[in-house]
Amino acid sequence: MTTISVPGGFMGIARTWVFPILRILLVALVAAALVKLAFFPDRPVDASPAVPTGAIVEPRTVASLGTITNDVVLKATVSADAAVAMKSTAAGTVNKIFVAQGATVAQGDVVFDVKVPIERDPADSVDAEGRPKPAIFRYVEVTAPAAGTLSSLSVIANQDVTIGATTGTVAPPTFSVTGTLEPSQQYRLLDRPTEATVTITGGPAAFTCGNLRITTPLAGSTGGDTAGTGAVDGSAGGGGTATGAAGSGTTATCSVPGDVTAFAGLAAEMTIAGGRAENVLIVPTTAVRGAAQSGTVWVTAADGSTEERAVALGLTDGTQVQVTEGLAEGDEILEFAPGAMSVPDDGCTVYPDGGMYCEQAPTS
């Protein structure tokens, strides 16, 4: 019997013929797939690549009932109330000083008195022997205009003074909290409240701060005692007036209660309640052109278009605004009034908060 031997056996045949053929088949499959992707896509080629395929979508919202709280929150500072000027009430010479600078006084305490000469009647100016009679005087007391510390005293005994001259200051032991209002925030406080809630950083729990005053310096004013109270800015008693403490803009100032411990210079947060309305019609502020009293919205019509409509506005919290006239519950409006958003060249919508929304248009 004759045996034929094959060099290398089966593995030699595989290396010589099988593996090269498999490699060629794999390369052919990959090439065919690339040709398919490049020249035979699953969808038809766009007729005109220059025509954009994106579509701008205008987000819409619905007017609904809700509760709105108009709280205006300000960063504020605690300051000592301004010192009150003490003025001479007579013209004459300082006779005697009863209270030293730095002492604690109550309102009405006598600080010094003024010796005022009394002019005699000419018929009573000489005695029986023809000699001039001695001068006669009356004494006028100058009292502390407020309770506190006599922070300054600018007169000495035997000094001449005139009526109305400032002779010292009294720094009261009271404090105020002052914050600056942005111009737009004033629209939210058209109905001026009389108190605010204050929280002092690192201090006691929130407390009610009364005697709330919202003031705007008049054109050409230089600060100081604009209310005519006799307060003196920058006195030794610490702090100045509310206007001086917060700058030249509109300020909100309230008085710290006497039972609350406070110190000048502390940071605080002032919350002014401008009103609260429940079960009222509200929409996002972005949907309204206008922010106070009156505005305009764009309402969705039956055919899907939008129509401009005037509305009356009530309270706002900066995010939502109350609509008192012009809309009904369920009315659909544009979420962003024209002008509140921009559309760049790529067809995507950019919103005021920096967000972007793009939608791919369906292909036909």
Protein backbone atom coordinates (compact mmCIF):
# COMPACT_ATOMS: atom_id res chain seq x y z
CA MET A 1 0.00 0.00 0.00
CA THR A 2 1.34 3.38 -1.00
CA THR A 3 0.96 6.46 1.42
CA ILE A 4 0.97 10.05 0.12
CA SER A 5 2.22 12.60 2.68
CA VAL A 6 1.12 16.29 2.57
CA PRO A 7 3.79 18.67 3.90
CA GLY A 8 2.61 20.49 7.02
CA GLY A 9 -0.71 18.64 7.27
CA PHE A 10 -4.02 20.54 7.76
CA MET A 11 -2.47 23.58 9.47
CA GLY A 12 -0.23 24.13 6.52
CA ILE A 13 -3.23 24.16 4.17
CA ALA A 14 -5.09 26.59 6.49
CA ARG A 15 -2.18 29.01 6.60
CA THR A 16 -1.63 28.79 2.90
CA TRP A 17 -5.22 29.02 1.64
CA VAL A 18 -7.97 29.38 4.27
CA PHE A 19 -6.76 32.38 6.34
CA PRO A 20 -5.79 34.54 3.34
CA ILE A 21 -9.20 33.89 1.76
CA LEU A 22 -11.00 34.89 5.03
CA ARG A 23 -8.98 38.13 5.24
CA ILE A 24 -9.90 39.01 1.68
CA LEU A 25 -13.60 38.38 2.43
CA LEU A 26 -13.52 40.62 5.56
CA VAL A 27 -11.81 43.45 3.71
CA ALA A 28 -14.41 43.15 0.93
CA LEU A 29 -17.28 43.35 3.48
CA VAL A 30 -15.84 46.45 5.15
CA ALA A 31 -15.33 48.15 1.80
CA ALA A 32 -18.89 47.35 0.76
CA ALA A 33 -20.24 48.82 4.02
CA LEU A 34 -18.27 52.03 3.55
CA VAL A 35 -19.53 52.39 -0.01
CA LYS A 36 -23.10 51.90 1.24
CA LEU A 37 -22.75 54.59 3.94
CA ALA A 38 -21.06 57.05 1.61
CA PHE A 39 -23.16 56.72 -1.53
CA PHE A 40 -26.40 54.96 -0.60
CA PRO A 41 -27.88 56.58 2.60
CA ASP A 42 -31.13 55.36 4.16
CA ARG A 43 -32.87 58.70 3.46
CA PRO A 44 -32.86 60.74 0.28
CA VAL A 45 -30.18 63.38 -0.01
CA ASP A 46 -31.45 66.89 0.80
CA ALA A 47 -32.45 68.66 -2.36
CA SER A 48 -30.76 71.87 -1.22
CA PRO A 49 -28.24 71.66 1.62
CA ALA A 50 -28.38 75.47 1.90
CA VAL A 51 -31.99 75.36 3.17
CA PRO A 52 -32.05 75.14 7.01
CA THR A 53 -33.91 72.19 8.50
CA GLY A 54 -34.39 73.62 12.04
CA ALA A 55 -37.62 75.24 13.17
CA ILE A 56 -38.12 77.93 15.84
CA VAL A 57 -40.66 76.93 18.44
CA GLU A 58 -42.36 79.61 20.53
CA PRO A 59 -42.98 78.21 24.03
CA ARG A 60 -46.43 78.92 25.40
CA THR A 61 -47.94 78.98 28.86
CA VAL A 62 -51.43 79.10 30.33
CA ALA A 63 -52.81 81.75 32.67
CA SER A 64 -53.71 80.00 35.92
CA LEU A 65 -54.88 80.74 39.44
CA GLY A 66 -52.34 80.88 42.23
CA THR A 67 -50.96 82.77 45.20
CA ILE A 68 -48.44 85.55 44.84
CA THR A 69 -46.43 87.14 47.64
CA ASN A 70 -44.73 90.42 46.92
CA ASP A 71 -41.78 90.41 49.32
CA VAL A 72 -38.95 92.83 48.55
CA VAL A 73 -35.72 91.64 50.17
CA LEU A 74 -32.87 94.10 50.68
CA LYS A 75 -29.33 93.83 51.95
CA ALA A 76 -29.14 96.29 54.82
CA THR A 77 -26.88 97.67 57.53
CA VAL A 78 -27.45 98.55 61.16
CA SER A 79 -26.42 102.10 62.07
CA ALA A 80 -26.66 104.24 65.18
CA ASP A 81 -29.27 106.96 64.87
CA ALA A 82 -27.84 110.37 64.09
CA ALA A 83 -26.97 112.70 66.92
CA VAL A 84 -29.40 115.55 67.59
CA ALA A 85 -28.09 119.11 67.64
CA MET A 86 -28.46 121.13 70.85
CA LYS A 87 -29.01 124.82 70.11
CA SER A 88 -28.91 127.92 72.23
CA THR A 89 -32.32 129.43 72.87
CA ALA A 90 -31.05 132.87 73.90
CA ALA A 91 -28.35 135.40 73.13
CA GLY A 92 -26.02 136.15 75.97
CA THR A 93 -23.15 134.66 77.96
CA VAL A 94 -22.82 131.09 79.15
CA ASN A 95 -23.30 131.31 82.92
CA LYS A 96 -22.88 127.78 84.25
CA ILE A 97 -22.47 124.31 82.77
CA PHE A 98 -24.32 121.59 84.64
CA VAL A 99 -23.51 118.48 82.55
CA ALA A 100 -20.09 117.43 81.24
CA GLN A 101 -19.48 116.04 77.78
CA GLY A 102 -19.92 112.26 77.70
CA ALA A 103 -22.59 112.19 80.38
CA THR A 104 -25.93 110.46 79.94
CA VAL A 105 -28.89 112.84 79.74
CA ALA A 106 -32.65 112.59 79.51
CA GLN A 107 -34.65 114.74 77.18
CA GLY A 108 -35.25 118.09 78.91
CA ASP A 109 -32.26 117.89 81.29
CA VAL A 110 -30.59 121.30 81.77
CA VAL A 111 -27.10 121.25 80.23
CA PHE A 112 -26.16 124.92 80.77
CA ASP A 113 -27.79 128.30 81.19
CA VAL A 114 -27.31 131.61 79.43
CA LYS A 115 -27.12 134.94 81.27
CA VAL A 116 -29.12 137.45 79.28
CA PRO A 117 -28.94 141.17 80.16
CA ILE A 118 -32.25 142.96 80.74
CA GLU A 119 -32.46 146.44 79.37
CA ARG A 120 -33.80 148.86 81.97
CA ASP A 121 -36.44 151.42 81.32
CA PRO A 122 -34.67 154.78 80.91
CA ALA A 123 -36.84 156.22 83.69
CA ASP A 124 -35.54 153.48 85.98
CA SER A 125 -31.91 153.53 84.91
CA VAL A 126 -30.54 155.71 87.76
CA ASP A 127 -31.11 155.74 91.49
CA ALA A 128 -32.24 158.69 93.68
CA GLU A 129 -28.70 160.03 93.80
CA GLY A 130 -28.36 159.96 90.01
CA ARG A 131 -26.02 157.01 89.87
CA PRO A 132 -26.63 154.26 87.21
CA LYS A 133 -28.35 151.27 88.63
CA PRO A 134 -26.50 147.90 88.33
CA ALA A 135 -27.26 145.70 85.35
CA ILE A 136 -29.92 143.09 85.79
CA PHE A 137 -30.06 139.68 84.06
CA ARG A 138 -32.36 136.77 83.38
CA TYR A 139 -31.17 133.21 83.02
CA VAL A 140 -32.33 130.97 80.15
CA GLU A 141 -31.81 127.22 80.44
CA VAL A 142 -30.59 125.19 77.44
CA THR A 143 -31.84 121.61 77.70
CA ALA A 144 -30.99 118.28 76.05
CA PRO A 145 -33.10 117.87 72.88
CA ALA A 146 -33.21 114.08 73.23
CA ALA A 147 -32.26 111.28 75.58
CA GLY A 148 -28.82 109.76 75.11
CA THR A 149 -25.19 110.69 75.57
CA LEU A 150 -23.95 114.26 75.42
CA SER A 151 -21.49 113.42 72.65
CA SER A 152 -20.18 116.96 72.20
CA LEU A 153 -20.32 120.28 74.06
CA SER A 154 -18.80 123.23 72.24
CA VAL A 155 -19.25 126.04 74.82
CA ILE A 156 -17.49 127.03 78.01
CA ALA A 157 -18.39 129.37 80.86
CA ASN A 158 -18.43 133.08 80.06
CA GLN A 159 -18.58 132.40 76.30
CA ASP A 160 -20.93 134.54 74.25
CA VAL A 161 -23.61 132.68 72.31
CA THR A 162 -26.33 133.68 69.88
CA ILE A 163 -29.86 132.41 69.43
CA GLY A 164 -29.90 129.23 67.34
CA ALA A 165 -26.16 128.55 67.61
CA THR A 166 -25.29 124.84 67.81
CA THR A 167 -23.69 124.27 71.19
CA GLY A 168 -23.43 120.49 71.27
CA THR A 169 -24.98 117.19 70.20
CA VAL A 170 -26.77 114.33 71.91
CA ALA A 171 -26.31 110.82 70.51
CA PRO A 172 -29.43 108.73 71.16
CA PRO A 173 -29.03 105.08 72.21
CA THR A 174 -31.25 103.91 69.34
CA PHE A 175 -30.47 102.17 66.06
CA SER A 176 -31.92 101.96 62.57
CA VAL A 177 -31.64 99.47 59.72
CA THR A 178 -31.13 100.89 56.24
CA GLY A 179 -31.12 99.21 52.83
CA THR A 180 -30.92 100.54 49.28
CA LEU A 181 -33.82 100.02 46.87
CA GLU A 182 -33.21 99.38 43.19
CA PRO A 183 -35.24 101.75 41.01
CA SER A 184 -37.38 98.91 39.61
CA GLN A 185 -38.20 97.66 43.12
CA GLN A 186 -40.05 100.87 43.87
CA TYR A 187 -42.86 99.76 41.55
CA ARG A 188 -43.42 96.82 43.89
CA LEU A 189 -43.91 99.18 46.83
CA LEU A 190 -46.41 101.68 45.45
CA ASP A 191 -48.55 101.02 48.53
CA ARG A 192 -46.00 101.97 51.14
CA PRO A 193 -45.94 99.60 54.15
CA THR A 194 -45.14 100.96 57.60
CA GLU A 195 -42.94 98.14 58.88
CA ALA A 196 -40.45 95.51 57.73
CA THR A 197 -39.03 92.24 59.02
CA VAL A 198 -35.31 92.33 59.79
CA THR A 199 -32.80 89.58 60.45
CA ILE A 200 -29.39 90.68 61.73
CA THR A 201 -26.51 88.47 60.62
CA GLY A 202 -25.30 86.56 63.65
CA GLY A 203 -27.87 88.34 65.81
CA PRO A 204 -31.27 87.59 67.36
CA ALA A 205 -34.25 86.04 65.61
CA ALA A 206 -36.10 88.04 62.98
CA PHE A 207 -38.01 90.97 64.44
CA THR A 208 -40.50 93.59 63.30
CA CYS A 209 -38.84 96.90 62.52
CA GLY A 210 -41.33 99.77 62.66
CA ASN A 211 -41.47 103.35 61.45
CA LEU A 212 -40.47 102.31 57.92
CA ARG A 213 -39.52 105.26 55.72
CA ILE A 214 -38.73 105.08 52.01
CA THR A 215 -36.92 108.21 50.92
CA THR A 216 -35.32 109.53 47.75
CA PRO A 217 -32.98 112.54 47.94
CA LEU A 218 -34.30 115.55 46.07
CA ALA A 219 -32.32 116.84 43.10
CA GLY A 220 -29.57 119.14 44.34
CA SER A 221 -29.84 118.03 47.96
CA THR A 222 -26.66 117.32 49.91
CA GLY A 223 -28.05 115.01 52.59
CA GLY A 224 -28.13 116.13 56.19
CA ASP A 225 -31.29 116.86 58.13
CA THR A 226 -33.74 116.82 55.21
CA ALA A 227 -36.65 116.14 57.54
CA GLY A 228 -35.96 119.10 59.79
CA THR A 229 -35.53 117.00 62.92
CA GLY A 230 -32.26 118.54 64.05
CA ALA A 231 -30.29 115.37 63.31
CA VAL A 232 -26.62 115.86 62.52
CA ASP A 233 -24.76 113.61 60.06
CA GLY A 234 -21.49 111.99 61.08
CA SER A 235 -21.65 112.99 64.73
CA ALA A 236 -19.58 111.43 67.46
CA GLY A 237 -22.55 109.36 68.45
CA GLY A 238 -21.84 107.05 65.53
CA GLY A 239 -23.51 106.71 62.17
CA GLY A 240 -25.24 109.35 60.15
CA THR A 241 -28.67 109.86 58.77
CA ALA A 242 -30.31 107.10 56.79
CA THR A 243 -29.46 108.88 53.56
CA GLY A 244 -25.80 109.22 54.42
CA ALA A 245 -25.58 105.61 55.53
CA ALA A 246 -26.79 104.07 52.32
CA GLY A 247 -25.59 106.39 49.60
CA SER A 248 -27.41 108.73 47.27
CA GLY A 249 -30.10 106.34 46.01
CA THR A 250 -33.55 105.54 47.34
CA THR A 251 -33.34 103.99 50.80
CA ALA A 252 -35.65 102.10 53.12
CA THR A 253 -35.05 102.76 56.81
CA CYS A 254 -36.79 101.40 59.90
CA SER A 255 -36.28 101.75 63.65
CA VAL A 256 -34.90 98.88 65.73
CA PRO A 257 -37.12 98.19 68.78
CA GLY A 258 -35.64 99.14 72.11
CA ASP A 259 -35.66 95.57 73.39
CA VAL A 260 -33.49 94.29 70.51
CA THR A 261 -29.74 94.40 71.07
CA ALA A 262 -27.94 95.82 68.04
CA PHE A 263 -24.58 97.33 67.16
CA ALA A 264 -23.62 99.79 64.45
CA GLY A 265 -22.09 98.23 61.36
CA LEU A 266 -23.81 94.85 61.54
CA ALA A 267 -25.10 93.39 58.27
CA ALA A 268 -28.80 92.58 58.07
CA GLU A 269 -31.52 91.46 55.69
CA MET A 270 -34.66 93.57 55.41
CA THR A 271 -37.85 92.04 54.04
CA ILE A 272 -40.60 94.47 53.08
CA ALA A 273 -44.00 92.85 52.53
CA GLY A 274 -45.56 94.62 49.57
CA GLY A 275 -48.72 92.51 49.65
CA ARG A 276 -50.12 89.00 49.24
CA ALA A 277 -52.92 87.83 46.96
CA GLU A 278 -54.48 84.35 46.94
CA ASN A 279 -56.47 82.61 44.20
CA VAL A 280 -55.61 85.25 41.61
CA LEU A 281 -54.70 84.97 37.95
CA ILE A 282 -50.92 84.81 37.46
CA VAL A 283 -48.56 84.46 34.50
CA PRO A 284 -44.73 84.46 34.21
CA THR A 285 -43.18 87.92 34.10
CA THR A 286 -41.41 86.88 30.88
CA ALA A 287 -44.79 86.63 29.16
CA VAL A 288 -45.61 90.30 29.76
CA ARG A 289 -44.12 93.34 28.17
CA GLY A 290 -44.31 95.80 31.04
CA ALA A 291 -43.86 95.04 34.73
CA ALA A 292 -46.10 97.35 36.74
CA GLN A 293 -49.70 98.55 36.51
CA SER A 294 -50.12 97.84 32.78
CA GLY A 295 -48.61 95.54 30.18
CA THR A 296 -49.10 93.54 26.99
CA VAL A 297 -49.32 89.80 26.36
CA TRP A 298 -49.63 87.74 23.17
CA VAL A 299 -52.66 85.41 23.30
CA THR A 300 -53.01 82.29 21.16
CA ALA A 301 -55.95 82.61 18.74
CA ALA A 302 -58.16 79.75 17.52
CA ASP A 303 -56.14 79.30 14.32
CA GLY A 304 -52.85 79.02 16.25
CA SER A 305 -51.69 82.57 15.56
CA THR A 306 -51.09 85.11 18.31
CA GLU A 307 -52.73 88.45 18.96
CA GLU A 308 -51.48 91.30 21.12
CA ARG A 309 -53.66 92.14 24.12
CA ALA A 310 -53.38 94.83 26.79
CA VAL A 311 -53.64 93.69 30.41
CA ALA A 312 -53.75 95.33 33.85
CA LEU A 313 -51.16 94.11 36.36
CA GLY A 314 -51.21 93.75 40.12
CA LEU A 315 -48.66 92.24 42.51
CA THR A 316 -45.43 90.66 41.33
CA ASP A 317 -42.74 88.64 43.05
CA GLY A 318 -40.21 89.12 40.28
CA THR A 319 -40.99 85.74 38.69
CA GLN A 320 -44.80 85.74 38.47
CA VAL A 321 -47.13 88.70 38.02
CA GLN A 322 -50.82 89.06 38.81
CA VAL A 323 -53.13 89.91 35.90
CA THR A 324 -56.21 91.80 37.08
CA GLU A 325 -57.77 92.55 33.68
CA GLY A 326 -57.43 91.33 30.10
CA LEU A 327 -57.00 87.56 30.60
CA ALA A 328 -59.13 84.66 31.79
CA GLU A 329 -58.09 81.43 33.44
CA GLY A 330 -56.91 78.94 30.82
CA ASP A 331 -55.96 81.50 28.17
CA GLU A 332 -52.82 80.39 26.34
CA ILE A 333 -50.15 83.02 25.79
CA LEU A 334 -46.56 83.19 24.60
CA GLU A 335 -44.25 82.33 27.49
CA PHE A 336 -41.76 84.92 26.24
CA ALA A 337 -43.15 88.20 24.97
CA PRO A 338 -41.53 89.44 21.74
CA GLY A 339 -38.28 91.08 22.63
CA ALA A 340 -37.71 88.83 25.62
CA MET A 341 -35.75 86.27 23.63
CA SER A 342 -33.38 86.28 20.65
CA VAL A 343 -33.02 83.96 17.66
CA PRO A 344 -29.46 83.43 16.37
CA ASP A 345 -28.56 82.48 12.82
CA ASP A 346 -28.53 78.73 13.48
CA GLY A 347 -32.31 78.71 14.04
CA CYS A 348 -32.15 77.87 17.77
CA THR A 349 -34.01 79.99 20.31
CA VAL A 350 -31.92 81.60 23.07
CA TYR A 351 -33.84 82.59 26.20
CA PRO A 352 -32.96 85.37 28.67
CA ASP A 353 -31.59 82.88 31.24
CA GLY A 354 -29.06 81.60 28.70
CA GLY A 355 -30.93 78.39 27.81
CA MET A 356 -31.30 77.28 24.18
CA TYR A 357 -33.97 75.22 22.46
CA CYS A 358 -33.75 73.75 18.95
CA GLU A 359 -36.19 71.49 17.13
CA GLN A 360 -35.43 69.51 13.98
CA ALA A 361 -38.11 70.04 11.35
CA PRO A 362 -39.62 66.82 9.91
CA THR A 363 -38.39 65.88 6.47
CA SER A 364 -40.72 65.07 3.59
